[in-house]
Amino acid sequence: MPHEDCIFCKIINGDIPSAKVYEDEDVYAFLDISQVTKGHTLIIPKTHVKNIYETPNDIAGKLFERVPVIANAIKKAFNPKGMNLINNNESFADQSVFHLHIHLIPRYDETDGYKLRWETHSDEYTQEQLQDISKSISNHLD
């Protein structure tokens, strides 16, 4: 069900124009207006869900099934050297539109305008600690 204050729901409904890349009964993909790199595309479910935490399995399956199809179309169109798939959840993780969306960001070279770097902490965890962390997560799988 669309949310009337959601910009992505308005795009799906045609109330706000977009550069549509793909559409079917479950999924809509369009160019991100920021175009971090040429071909930067957003893939969204037509059903309004806030983020990955609130996404039912059937909606996730339909959405993620389309990701490689659209990624390969971008690859064929522009021949990037690589591609980042990004999904931000909640404000703290830089989610700015609260309708689940996957960014496909083609990568061309080190000067293409996209930077993603993080610190690693592998030297801060023992194998035992890693096993404890993995068990903590596994114990909460539904």
N, C-alpha and C. Protein backbone atom coordinates (compact mmCIF):
# COMPACT_ATOMS: atom_id res chain seq x y z
N MET A 1 0.85 -1.18 0.00
CA MET A 1 0.00 0.00 0.00
C MET A 1 0.89 1.24 0.00
N PRO A 2 0.66 2.16 -0.91
CA PRO A 2 1.50 3.37 -0.99
C PRO A 2 1.28 4.28 0.21
N HIS A 3 2.31 4.98 0.56
CA HIS A 3 2.22 6.02 1.59
C HIS A 3 2.19 7.35 0.87
N GLU A 4 1.21 8.16 1.19
CA GLU A 4 1.03 9.41 0.44
C GLU A 4 2.16 10.41 0.63
N ASP A 5 2.95 10.28 1.70
CA ASP A 5 4.06 11.21 1.91
C ASP A 5 5.40 10.64 1.44
N CYS A 6 5.40 9.47 0.80
CA CYS A 6 6.63 8.82 0.35
C CYS A 6 6.95 9.21 -1.08
N ILE A 7 8.12 9.80 -1.29
CA ILE A 7 8.52 10.24 -2.63
C ILE A 7 8.61 9.07 -3.60
N PHE A 8 9.08 7.90 -3.14
CA PHE A 8 9.18 6.76 -4.03
C PHE A 8 7.81 6.21 -4.41
N CYS A 9 6.86 6.23 -3.48
CA CYS A 9 5.49 5.83 -3.83
C CYS A 9 4.90 6.79 -4.85
N LYS A 10 5.23 8.07 -4.73
CA LYS A 10 4.76 9.06 -5.70
C LYS A 10 5.38 8.82 -7.07
N ILE A 11 6.65 8.40 -7.09
CA ILE A 11 7.30 8.06 -8.36
C ILE A 11 6.62 6.85 -8.99
N ILE A 12 6.36 5.82 -8.21
CA ILE A 12 5.69 4.62 -8.72
C ILE A 12 4.33 4.98 -9.30
N ASN A 13 3.60 5.86 -8.62
CA ASN A 13 2.26 6.26 -9.07
C ASN A 13 2.28 7.23 -10.25
N GLY A 14 3.45 7.73 -10.62
CA GLY A 14 3.56 8.67 -11.72
C GLY A 14 3.29 10.11 -11.32
N ASP A 15 3.18 10.37 -10.02
CA ASP A 15 2.95 11.74 -9.54
C ASP A 15 4.21 12.59 -9.62
N ILE A 16 5.35 11.94 -9.60
CA ILE A 16 6.65 12.60 -9.73
C ILE A 16 7.36 11.91 -10.88
N PRO A 17 7.92 12.66 -11.81
CA PRO A 17 8.59 12.03 -12.96
C PRO A 17 9.88 11.32 -12.54
N SER A 18 10.22 10.28 -13.31
CA SER A 18 11.47 9.57 -13.09
C SER A 18 11.97 9.06 -14.44
N ALA A 19 13.25 8.73 -14.47
CA ALA A 19 13.85 8.11 -15.66
C ALA A 19 13.79 6.60 -15.43
N LYS A 20 12.67 6.00 -15.84
CA LYS A 20 12.42 4.59 -15.58
C LYS A 20 13.38 3.70 -16.36
N VAL A 21 13.95 2.74 -15.65
CA VAL A 21 14.84 1.74 -16.24
C VAL A 21 14.09 0.42 -16.43
N TYR A 22 13.23 0.09 -15.45
CA TYR A 22 12.55 -1.21 -15.45
C TYR A 22 11.28 -1.10 -14.62
N GLU A 23 10.25 -1.86 -15.05
CA GLU A 23 9.04 -1.93 -14.25
C GLU A 23 8.32 -3.24 -14.54
N ASP A 24 7.82 -3.86 -13.48
CA ASP A 24 6.89 -4.97 -13.60
C ASP A 24 5.86 -4.81 -12.49
N GLU A 25 5.07 -5.82 -12.23
CA GLU A 25 3.99 -5.66 -11.24
C GLU A 25 4.50 -5.52 -9.81
N ASP A 26 5.75 -5.90 -9.53
CA ASP A 26 6.27 -5.89 -8.17
C ASP A 26 7.41 -4.91 -7.91
N VAL A 27 8.13 -4.54 -8.96
CA VAL A 27 9.39 -3.80 -8.81
C VAL A 27 9.43 -2.64 -9.79
N TYR A 28 10.06 -1.55 -9.34
CA TYR A 28 10.27 -0.38 -10.18
C TYR A 28 11.74 0.01 -10.03
N ALA A 29 12.42 0.29 -11.13
CA ALA A 29 13.81 0.74 -11.11
C ALA A 29 13.92 2.01 -11.94
N PHE A 30 14.68 2.96 -11.41
CA PHE A 30 14.83 4.26 -12.07
C PHE A 30 16.18 4.86 -11.72
N LEU A 31 16.61 5.81 -12.56
CA LEU A 31 17.88 6.47 -12.30
C LEU A 31 17.78 7.36 -11.07
N ASP A 32 18.79 7.26 -10.21
CA ASP A 32 18.90 8.16 -9.07
C ASP A 32 19.22 9.55 -9.62
N ILE A 33 18.50 10.56 -9.16
CA ILE A 33 18.74 11.90 -9.71
C ILE A 33 20.14 12.41 -9.37
N SER A 34 20.79 11.86 -8.35
CA SER A 34 22.15 12.31 -8.01
C SER A 34 23.19 11.80 -9.00
N GLN A 35 22.91 10.67 -9.68
CA GLN A 35 23.86 10.06 -10.61
C GLN A 35 25.29 10.15 -10.08
N VAL A 36 25.52 9.52 -8.92
CA VAL A 36 26.86 9.47 -8.35
C VAL A 36 27.86 9.04 -9.42
N THR A 37 27.47 8.04 -10.20
CA THR A 37 28.21 7.68 -11.42
C THR A 37 27.16 7.43 -12.50
N LYS A 38 27.58 7.47 -13.74
CA LYS A 38 26.66 7.29 -14.87
C LYS A 38 25.97 5.93 -14.79
N GLY A 39 24.65 5.95 -14.76
CA GLY A 39 23.88 4.73 -14.68
C GLY A 39 23.43 4.36 -13.28
N HIS A 40 23.74 5.18 -12.28
CA HIS A 40 23.35 4.94 -10.88
C HIS A 40 21.83 4.76 -10.84
N THR A 41 21.41 3.54 -10.47
CA THR A 41 20.01 3.14 -10.54
C THR A 41 19.51 2.70 -9.17
N LEU A 42 18.26 3.04 -8.88
CA LEU A 42 17.59 2.59 -7.66
C LEU A 42 16.57 1.52 -8.03
N ILE A 43 16.52 0.46 -7.25
CA ILE A 43 15.53 -0.59 -7.44
C ILE A 43 14.68 -0.64 -6.18
N ILE A 44 13.35 -0.53 -6.35
CA ILE A 44 12.45 -0.47 -5.20
C ILE A 44 11.28 -1.44 -5.38
N PRO A 45 10.76 -1.95 -4.26
CA PRO A 45 9.52 -2.72 -4.37
C PRO A 45 8.36 -1.76 -4.55
N LYS A 46 7.35 -2.17 -5.28
CA LYS A 46 6.17 -1.32 -5.44
C LYS A 46 5.35 -1.29 -4.15
N THR A 47 5.47 -2.32 -3.34
CA THR A 47 4.83 -2.32 -2.03
C THR A 47 5.69 -1.50 -1.09
N HIS A 48 5.08 -0.54 -0.41
CA HIS A 48 5.84 0.31 0.50
C HIS A 48 6.27 -0.49 1.73
N VAL A 49 7.57 -0.62 1.91
CA VAL A 49 8.16 -1.13 3.14
C VAL A 49 9.28 -0.17 3.50
N LYS A 50 9.42 0.09 4.78
CA LYS A 50 10.36 1.12 5.25
C LYS A 50 11.82 0.76 4.98
N ASN A 51 12.21 -0.45 5.31
CA ASN A 51 13.62 -0.83 5.21
C ASN A 51 13.73 -2.36 5.20
N ILE A 52 14.93 -2.86 5.17
CA ILE A 52 15.14 -4.31 5.08
C ILE A 52 14.59 -5.04 6.29
N TYR A 53 14.61 -4.40 7.45
CA TYR A 53 14.11 -5.04 8.67
C TYR A 53 12.62 -5.35 8.60
N GLU A 54 11.87 -4.53 7.88
CA GLU A 54 10.42 -4.67 7.82
C GLU A 54 9.95 -5.35 6.54
N THR A 55 10.86 -5.89 5.77
CA THR A 55 10.53 -6.45 4.47
C THR A 55 10.15 -7.92 4.57
N PRO A 56 8.93 -8.26 4.16
CA PRO A 56 8.54 -9.68 4.13
C PRO A 56 9.38 -10.44 3.09
N ASN A 57 9.58 -11.73 3.34
CA ASN A 57 10.41 -12.55 2.45
C ASN A 57 9.95 -12.52 1.00
N ASP A 58 8.64 -12.53 0.76
CA ASP A 58 8.17 -12.56 -0.63
C ASP A 58 8.53 -11.27 -1.37
N ILE A 59 8.44 -10.15 -0.70
CA ILE A 59 8.80 -8.86 -1.32
C ILE A 59 10.31 -8.82 -1.56
N ALA A 60 11.08 -9.27 -0.58
CA ALA A 60 12.55 -9.30 -0.73
C ALA A 60 12.95 -10.19 -1.90
N GLY A 61 12.30 -11.35 -2.01
CA GLY A 61 12.63 -12.27 -3.09
C GLY A 61 12.38 -11.66 -4.45
N LYS A 62 11.24 -11.00 -4.61
CA LYS A 62 10.90 -10.37 -5.89
C LYS A 62 11.88 -9.23 -6.20
N LEU A 63 12.22 -8.44 -5.19
CA LEU A 63 13.13 -7.32 -5.39
C LEU A 63 14.53 -7.82 -5.77
N PHE A 64 15.08 -8.70 -4.96
CA PHE A 64 16.45 -9.15 -5.18
C PHE A 64 16.59 -10.03 -6.42
N GLU A 65 15.51 -10.64 -6.86
CA GLU A 65 15.54 -11.42 -8.09
C GLU A 65 15.82 -10.52 -9.30
N ARG A 66 15.40 -9.28 -9.22
CA ARG A 66 15.59 -8.34 -10.34
C ARG A 66 16.96 -7.68 -10.33
N VAL A 67 17.64 -7.68 -9.18
CA VAL A 67 18.92 -6.96 -9.06
C VAL A 67 19.94 -7.43 -10.10
N PRO A 68 20.22 -8.72 -10.27
CA PRO A 68 21.22 -9.10 -11.28
C PRO A 68 20.77 -8.79 -12.71
N VAL A 69 19.49 -8.83 -12.97
CA VAL A 69 18.98 -8.52 -14.31
C VAL A 69 19.30 -7.07 -14.66
N ILE A 70 19.00 -6.18 -13.73
CA ILE A 70 19.23 -4.75 -13.96
C ILE A 70 20.72 -4.43 -13.93
N ALA A 71 21.46 -5.07 -13.01
CA ALA A 71 22.92 -4.86 -12.95
C ALA A 71 23.57 -5.27 -14.27
N ASN A 72 23.15 -6.38 -14.83
CA ASN A 72 23.72 -6.82 -16.10
C ASN A 72 23.35 -5.91 -17.25
N ALA A 73 22.16 -5.31 -17.20
CA ALA A 73 21.78 -4.34 -18.23
C ALA A 73 22.68 -3.11 -18.16
N ILE A 74 22.97 -2.65 -16.95
CA ILE A 74 23.87 -1.51 -16.77
C ILE A 74 25.26 -1.88 -17.28
N LYS A 75 25.71 -3.09 -16.96
CA LYS A 75 27.03 -3.55 -17.41
C LYS A 75 27.11 -3.57 -18.93
N LYS A 76 26.07 -4.08 -19.59
CA LYS A 76 26.06 -4.13 -21.06
C LYS A 76 25.99 -2.74 -21.67
N ALA A 77 25.26 -1.84 -21.01
CA ALA A 77 25.09 -0.48 -21.56
C ALA A 77 26.35 0.36 -21.43
N PHE A 78 27.06 0.26 -20.29
CA PHE A 78 28.15 1.20 -20.01
C PHE A 78 29.50 0.56 -19.73
N ASN A 79 29.56 -0.77 -19.64
CA ASN A 79 30.82 -1.48 -19.42
C ASN A 79 31.64 -0.94 -18.24
N PRO A 80 31.04 -0.82 -17.05
CA PRO A 80 31.82 -0.37 -15.90
C PRO A 80 32.83 -1.44 -15.49
N LYS A 81 33.85 -1.03 -14.75
CA LYS A 81 34.85 -1.98 -14.27
C LYS A 81 34.33 -2.79 -13.09
N GLY A 82 33.27 -2.30 -12.44
CA GLY A 82 32.68 -2.97 -11.29
C GLY A 82 31.39 -2.28 -10.91
N MET A 83 30.77 -2.74 -9.84
CA MET A 83 29.51 -2.13 -9.41
C MET A 83 29.35 -2.34 -7.91
N ASN A 84 28.92 -1.29 -7.23
CA ASN A 84 28.57 -1.40 -5.82
C ASN A 84 27.07 -1.50 -5.69
N LEU A 85 26.62 -2.42 -4.82
CA LEU A 85 25.22 -2.52 -4.43
C LEU A 85 25.14 -2.02 -3.00
N ILE A 86 24.32 -1.02 -2.78
CA ILE A 86 24.24 -0.38 -1.47
C ILE A 86 22.79 -0.35 -1.01
N ASN A 87 22.60 -0.62 0.27
CA ASN A 87 21.29 -0.48 0.90
C ASN A 87 21.51 0.11 2.28
N ASN A 88 20.94 1.28 2.53
CA ASN A 88 21.06 1.95 3.83
C ASN A 88 19.77 1.76 4.61
N ASN A 89 19.90 1.45 5.90
CA ASN A 89 18.73 1.21 6.74
C ASN A 89 18.80 2.05 8.00
N GLU A 90 17.81 2.90 8.16
CA GLU A 90 17.68 3.84 9.28
C GLU A 90 18.58 5.06 9.06
N SER A 91 18.22 6.15 9.71
CA SER A 91 18.93 7.43 9.55
C SER A 91 20.41 7.31 9.87
N PHE A 92 20.74 6.55 10.92
CA PHE A 92 22.14 6.43 11.33
C PHE A 92 23.00 5.84 10.22
N ALA A 93 22.40 5.01 9.38
CA ALA A 93 23.13 4.40 8.26
C ALA A 93 22.90 5.16 6.96
N ASP A 94 22.47 6.41 7.07
CA ASP A 94 22.29 7.32 5.93
C ASP A 94 21.09 7.01 5.05
N GLN A 95 20.09 6.30 5.57
CA GLN A 95 18.85 6.15 4.80
C GLN A 95 18.14 7.50 4.82
N SER A 96 17.83 8.04 3.65
CA SER A 96 17.18 9.35 3.58
C SER A 96 15.75 9.25 3.05
N VAL A 97 15.43 8.22 2.30
CA VAL A 97 14.06 7.95 1.86
C VAL A 97 13.65 6.64 2.52
N PHE A 98 12.59 6.68 3.28
CA PHE A 98 12.21 5.52 4.09
C PHE A 98 11.23 4.61 3.35
N HIS A 99 11.70 4.17 2.19
CA HIS A 99 11.07 3.16 1.34
C HIS A 99 12.25 2.32 0.88
N LEU A 100 12.22 1.03 1.16
CA LEU A 100 13.34 0.16 0.83
C LEU A 100 13.84 0.40 -0.59
N HIS A 101 15.15 0.55 -0.74
CA HIS A 101 15.73 0.72 -2.07
C HIS A 101 17.16 0.22 -2.09
N ILE A 102 17.52 -0.32 -3.24
CA ILE A 102 18.87 -0.81 -3.50
C ILE A 102 19.50 0.12 -4.53
N HIS A 103 20.68 0.63 -4.21
CA HIS A 103 21.45 1.44 -5.15
C HIS A 103 22.35 0.51 -5.97
N LEU A 104 22.33 0.64 -7.27
CA LEU A 104 23.31 0.01 -8.14
C LEU A 104 24.19 1.15 -8.65
N ILE A 105 25.45 1.15 -8.23
CA ILE A 105 26.35 2.23 -8.58
C ILE A 105 27.49 1.67 -9.42
N PRO A 106 27.43 1.90 -10.75
CA PRO A 106 28.52 1.42 -11.61
C PRO A 106 29.82 2.14 -11.26
N ARG A 107 30.92 1.40 -11.33
CA ARG A 107 32.23 1.96 -11.01
C ARG A 107 33.10 1.95 -12.25
N TYR A 108 33.66 3.11 -12.56
CA TYR A 108 34.45 3.27 -13.79
C TYR A 108 35.94 3.40 -13.53
N ASP A 109 36.31 4.19 -12.55
CA ASP A 109 37.71 4.33 -12.16
C ASP A 109 37.76 5.01 -10.81
N GLU A 110 38.96 5.21 -10.29
CA GLU A 110 39.11 5.78 -8.95
C GLU A 110 38.70 7.26 -8.86
N THR A 111 38.43 7.89 -9.99
CA THR A 111 38.03 9.30 -9.97
C THR A 111 36.56 9.48 -10.36
N ASP A 112 35.76 8.40 -10.31
CA ASP A 112 34.37 8.49 -10.78
C ASP A 112 33.42 9.15 -9.79
N GLY A 113 33.92 9.53 -8.62
CA GLY A 113 33.08 10.28 -7.68
C GLY A 113 32.53 9.47 -6.53
N TYR A 114 32.79 8.16 -6.52
CA TYR A 114 32.26 7.33 -5.44
C TYR A 114 33.40 6.84 -4.57
N LYS A 115 33.22 6.98 -3.27
CA LYS A 115 34.23 6.51 -2.31
C LYS A 115 33.54 5.66 -1.26
N LEU A 116 34.05 4.49 -1.02
CA LEU A 116 33.56 3.63 0.04
C LEU A 116 34.76 2.95 0.66
N ARG A 117 35.10 3.36 1.85
CA ARG A 117 36.23 2.76 2.55
C ARG A 117 35.85 2.60 4.01
N TRP A 118 36.27 1.49 4.61
CA TRP A 118 36.05 1.33 6.04
C TRP A 118 37.28 0.75 6.69
N GLU A 119 37.35 0.95 8.00
CA GLU A 119 38.44 0.39 8.77
C GLU A 119 38.14 -1.07 9.06
N THR A 120 39.17 -1.88 9.03
CA THR A 120 38.99 -3.28 9.41
C THR A 120 39.47 -3.45 10.85
N HIS A 121 38.87 -4.42 11.53
CA HIS A 121 39.20 -4.67 12.94
C HIS A 121 39.53 -6.15 13.16
N SER A 122 40.07 -6.79 12.13
CA SER A 122 40.34 -8.22 12.22
C SER A 122 41.34 -8.56 13.32
N ASP A 123 42.24 -7.65 13.61
CA ASP A 123 43.23 -7.94 14.65
C ASP A 123 42.68 -7.75 16.06
N GLU A 124 41.42 -7.30 16.17
CA GLU A 124 40.81 -7.05 17.47
C GLU A 124 39.93 -8.22 17.95
N TYR A 125 39.74 -9.25 17.12
CA TYR A 125 38.87 -10.37 17.47
C TYR A 125 39.61 -11.69 17.37
N THR A 126 39.46 -12.50 18.40
CA THR A 126 40.00 -13.86 18.35
C THR A 126 39.00 -14.74 17.62
N GLN A 127 39.43 -15.95 17.24
CA GLN A 127 38.52 -16.91 16.61
C GLN A 127 37.37 -17.25 17.57
N GLU A 128 37.65 -17.33 18.85
CA GLU A 128 36.61 -17.62 19.83
C GLU A 128 35.57 -16.49 19.87
N GLN A 129 36.02 -15.26 19.84
CA GLN A 129 35.09 -14.13 19.83
C GLN A 129 34.25 -14.12 18.56
N LEU A 130 34.87 -14.45 17.42
CA LEU A 130 34.12 -14.51 16.17
C LEU A 130 33.06 -15.60 16.24
N GLN A 131 33.39 -16.74 16.83
CA GLN A 131 32.41 -17.82 16.99
C GLN A 131 31.26 -17.37 17.90
N ASP A 132 31.57 -16.63 18.96
CA ASP A 132 30.52 -16.13 19.85
C ASP A 132 29.60 -15.14 19.13
N ILE A 133 30.19 -14.29 18.33
CA ILE A 133 29.39 -13.32 17.56
C ILE A 133 28.49 -14.06 16.57
N SER A 134 29.05 -15.04 15.88
CA SER A 134 28.25 -15.77 14.89
C SER A 134 27.11 -16.53 15.56
N LYS A 135 27.34 -17.10 16.73
CA LYS A 135 26.28 -17.80 17.47
C LYS A 135 25.20 -16.83 17.92
N SER A 136 25.61 -15.63 18.35
CA SER A 136 24.62 -14.63 18.77
C SER A 136 23.66 -14.30 17.63
N ILE A 137 24.20 -14.18 16.43
CA ILE A 137 23.36 -13.88 15.27
C ILE A 137 22.52 -15.10 14.92
N SER A 138 23.15 -16.25 14.82
CA SER A 138 22.44 -17.48 14.44
C SER A 138 21.28 -17.79 15.39
N ASN A 139 21.46 -17.53 16.66
CA ASN A 139 20.42 -17.80 17.66
C ASN A 139 19.16 -16.94 17.45
N HIS A 140 19.28 -15.89 16.67
CA HIS A 140 18.14 -15.00 16.44
C HIS A 140 17.52 -15.15 15.06
N LEU A 141 17.96 -16.15 14.30
CA LEU A 141 17.37 -16.39 12.99
C LEU A 141 15.98 -16.98 13.18
N ASP A 142 15.03 -16.50 12.43
CA ASP A 142 13.67 -17.03 12.52
C ASP A 142 13.45 -18.13 11.52
